Each structure stands twice: as structure tokens, then as C-alpha cells.
């Protein structure tokens, strides 16, 4: 697999549905994640990922002609999901719930450390497994930080009550 931190194509366009700037993805990302029916509509043009959580569009062509929605993708798109399981790491199967469960059980979370070790061992394939076509570590670390802060806040509130 190529590096999940590799430079993506430099193309800029806005989502034809929500009007927000998209994030360029390599051609391998939609190729591996689109359903068979959707893949038959894919053209040989650059694609971008729509980062707007409430927008149904996942990928759109730089020329705005072709659009693929959540229903066209074979995996749940974590950024666009509101109901569990919400994926965080597509290579190793970690979800937001995994982060919260570990923090609840131990007061901390080591998922990002485990992912880092496996990435260093060459086991990741973010460019084809993650709908955003990029490494998940930033999102995992943010989820860990949020879960720990929430856990500490709840513990502090519980201590103050007694």
C-alpha cells in the first residue's frame, strides 16, 4: 500500500449540493469504496470528498457532473453518521464507541497508540479504506481527547456532589 499521508491531487471544487469546498482524494479511494452500481457511473476525472456532515454527498467530480451519495458507498462514512457505530479507523475497525468504552474502563485511551504502531508496521491502507482517503489518526486523537475530557468532567461533577 502507498502511504496514507501521501500528497493528494491538487484539485479544487465545491460540492454541487452544499456549496462547501471539497477535499481532493486519490482515484483509488472512490474506486475501492463505491458500490458496484455506483462504480459503473464513475468517470476518469478527479474526485473530491464532501466534508459537510449533513450533506448526503460523499464524492463529487471536480467538474460537478458526477455525484455519489452515502447510499453509493459500501461503508459507513463516519463524518456523516449520527447513529452508532460511528467509524473512526477504517483499517483496524475502531469506532467512537471503542474510544468511549476504553476511557470509561481505564480513564484513558490507547487506540491512537495502537494504530500508530500498526501504521509504522506498514499495515494501514487509509487511501482505500477511509472514505476521506487519508489517515484517521487526527480524528482518533480528537475523539480520545474529547472522551477523556468528558470522563474527567463527569468524575469531577460526581465528586462535587458528595
Protein backbone atom coordinates (compact mmCIF):
# COMPACT_ATOMS: atom_id res chain seq x y z
CA UNK A 1 0.00 0.00 0.00
CA UNK A 2 1.10 3.55 -0.56
CA UNK A 3 1.49 5.96 2.32
CA UNK A 4 -1.74 7.21 3.82
CA UNK A 5 -0.05 10.57 4.26
CA UNK A 6 0.90 10.89 0.60
CA UNK A 7 0.10 14.12 -1.19
CA UNK A 8 -3.34 14.10 -2.81
CA UNK A 9 -4.08 15.51 -6.24
CA UNK A 10 -4.26 19.30 -6.28
CA UNK A 11 -7.76 20.00 -7.50
CA UNK A 12 -10.27 22.41 -6.06
CA UNK A 13 -14.05 22.49 -6.37
CA UNK A 14 -17.16 22.92 -4.27
CA UNK A 15 -19.83 20.32 -3.60
CA UNK A 16 -22.71 20.83 -6.06
CA UNK A 17 -25.23 20.16 -3.26
CA UNK A 18 -23.97 22.10 -0.22
CA UNK A 19 -21.54 24.53 -1.87
CA UNK A 20 -18.66 23.77 0.51
CA UNK A 21 -15.10 23.23 -0.70
CA UNK A 22 -14.29 19.54 -1.16
CA UNK A 23 -11.14 17.65 -0.24
CA UNK A 24 -9.30 16.01 -3.13
CA UNK A 25 -8.98 12.23 -2.94
CA UNK A 26 -6.87 9.89 -4.99
CA UNK A 27 -8.61 7.88 -7.68
CA UNK A 28 -8.16 4.70 -5.63
CA UNK A 29 -10.43 5.93 -2.82
CA UNK A 30 -13.79 6.05 -4.61
CA UNK A 31 -12.75 3.13 -6.81
CA UNK A 32 -12.48 0.86 -3.76
CA UNK A 33 -15.43 2.23 -1.78
CA UNK A 34 -18.24 2.75 -4.27
CA UNK A 35 -20.92 0.11 -4.70
CA UNK A 36 -20.81 -1.88 -7.92
CA UNK A 37 -23.76 0.09 -9.34
CA UNK A 38 -22.17 3.44 -8.44
CA UNK A 39 -18.78 2.38 -9.75
CA UNK A 40 -20.32 1.85 -13.18
CA UNK A 41 -21.11 5.60 -13.23
CA UNK A 42 -17.60 6.67 -12.21
CA UNK A 43 -15.72 8.62 -14.88
CA UNK A 44 -11.99 9.07 -15.27
CA UNK A 45 -11.89 12.55 -13.72
CA UNK A 46 -10.64 13.87 -10.36
CA UNK A 47 -12.98 13.41 -7.38
CA UNK A 48 -13.35 15.27 -4.13
CA UNK A 49 -14.77 14.28 -0.76
CA UNK A 50 -17.55 16.45 0.70
CA UNK A 51 -16.64 17.22 4.33
CA UNK A 52 -20.02 18.68 5.28
CA UNK A 53 -21.54 16.33 7.90
CA UNK A 54 -25.18 17.00 6.98
CA UNK A 55 -24.68 16.74 3.21
CA UNK A 56 -25.63 13.39 1.63
CA UNK A 57 -22.89 13.77 -0.99
CA UNK A 58 -19.72 11.80 -0.29
CA UNK A 59 -17.82 12.21 -3.57
CA UNK A 60 -18.26 14.59 -6.46
CA UNK A 61 -16.33 15.10 -9.66
CA UNK A 62 -14.25 18.24 -9.96
CA UNK A 63 -16.45 19.33 -12.86
CA UNK A 64 -19.59 18.87 -10.71
CA UNK A 65 -21.24 16.47 -13.17
CA UNK A 66 -20.98 13.24 -11.17
CA UNK A 67 -22.14 12.95 -7.56
CA UNK A 68 -22.03 9.92 -5.25
CA UNK A 69 -24.14 9.91 -2.09
CA UNK A 70 -23.90 7.93 1.15
CA UNK A 71 -26.05 5.20 -0.40
CA UNK A 72 -23.44 4.78 -3.16
CA UNK A 73 -20.65 3.94 -0.70
CA UNK A 74 -20.09 0.43 0.71
CA UNK A 75 -19.02 1.65 4.19
CA UNK A 76 -20.49 4.00 6.76
CA UNK A 77 -18.95 7.46 6.41
CA UNK A 78 -18.09 8.41 10.00
CA UNK A 79 -18.17 12.15 9.43
CA UNK A 80 -21.71 11.87 8.07
CA UNK A 81 -23.13 9.44 10.65
CA UNK A 82 -25.11 10.32 13.76
CA UNK A 83 -26.01 6.81 14.98
CA UNK A 84 -23.57 4.19 16.28
CA UNK A 85 -21.44 2.54 15.22
CA UNK A 86 -19.59 5.60 14.01
CA UNK A 87 -16.34 4.55 12.35
CA UNK A 88 -13.11 6.31 13.27
CA UNK A 89 -10.46 3.95 11.91
CA UNK A 90 -11.31 2.00 8.78
CA UNK A 91 -8.10 -0.02 8.62
CA UNK A 92 -8.38 -1.55 12.08
CA UNK A 93 -12.10 -1.21 12.78
CA UNK A 94 -12.17 1.23 15.70
CA UNK A 95 -15.34 3.22 16.38
CA UNK A 96 -16.22 6.18 18.58
CA UNK A 97 -17.79 3.69 20.99
CA UNK A 98 -14.48 1.84 21.34
CA UNK A 99 -12.84 5.09 22.43
CA UNK A 100 -15.57 5.89 24.97
CA UNK A 101 -15.60 2.33 26.32
CA UNK A 102 -11.83 2.33 26.88
CA UNK A 103 -11.90 5.73 28.57
CA UNK A 104 -14.81 4.64 30.77
CA UNK A 105 -12.96 1.47 31.78
CA UNK A 106 -9.47 2.90 32.27
CA UNK A 107 -9.64 6.70 32.34
CA UNK A 108 -7.50 6.91 29.22
CA UNK A 109 -7.35 5.61 25.68
CA UNK A 110 -4.51 3.92 23.82
CA UNK A 111 -6.24 3.33 20.50
CA UNK A 112 -4.21 6.01 18.67
CA UNK A 113 -1.00 4.47 20.03
CA UNK A 114 -2.05 1.03 18.77
CA UNK A 115 -2.97 2.46 15.37
CA UNK A 116 0.37 4.31 15.17
CA UNK A 117 2.27 1.07 15.85
CA UNK A 118 0.36 -0.74 13.11
CA UNK A 119 0.85 2.15 10.65
CA UNK A 120 4.60 2.04 11.37
CA UNK A 121 4.47 -1.71 10.70
CA UNK A 122 3.04 -0.93 7.25
CA UNK A 123 -0.40 -2.36 7.96
CA UNK A 124 -2.60 0.61 7.04
CA UNK A 125 -4.47 1.24 3.82
CA UNK A 126 -6.21 4.53 4.59
CA UNK A 127 -6.16 5.67 0.97
CA UNK A 128 -8.52 2.84 0.01
CA UNK A 129 -10.39 2.08 3.26
CA UNK A 130 -11.10 5.55 4.67
CA UNK A 131 -13.74 7.43 2.64
CA UNK A 132 -11.73 10.63 3.15
CA UNK A 133 -8.73 8.92 1.56
CA UNK A 134 -6.44 9.98 4.38
CA UNK A 135 -5.06 8.91 7.73
CA UNK A 136 -7.56 8.72 10.60
CA UNK A 137 -5.13 9.44 13.45
CA UNK A 138 -6.12 13.10 13.82
CA UNK A 139 -9.77 12.17 14.23
CA UNK A 140 -8.95 9.31 16.59
CA UNK A 141 -6.80 11.56 18.79
CA UNK A 142 -9.54 14.22 18.84
CA UNK A 143 -12.10 11.59 19.87
CA UNK A 144 -9.78 10.35 22.61
CA UNK A 145 -9.22 13.89 23.91
CA UNK A 146 -12.96 14.61 23.91
CA UNK A 147 -13.79 11.32 25.66
CA UNK A 148 -11.16 11.83 28.36
CA UNK A 149 -12.34 15.42 28.98
CA UNK A 150 -15.95 14.24 29.22
CA UNK A 151 -14.97 11.41 31.59
CA UNK A 152 -12.97 13.77 33.82
CA UNK A 153 -15.80 16.27 33.82
CA UNK A 154 -18.30 13.63 34.91
CA UNK A 155 -15.98 12.33 37.61
CA UNK A 156 -15.41 15.88 38.92
CA UNK A 157 -19.15 16.51 38.99
CA UNK A 158 -19.75 13.25 40.83
CA UNK A 159 -17.05 14.08 43.43
CA UNK A 160 -18.50 17.55 43.98
CA UNK A 161 -21.92 16.06 44.63
CA UNK A 162 -20.69 14.15 47.70
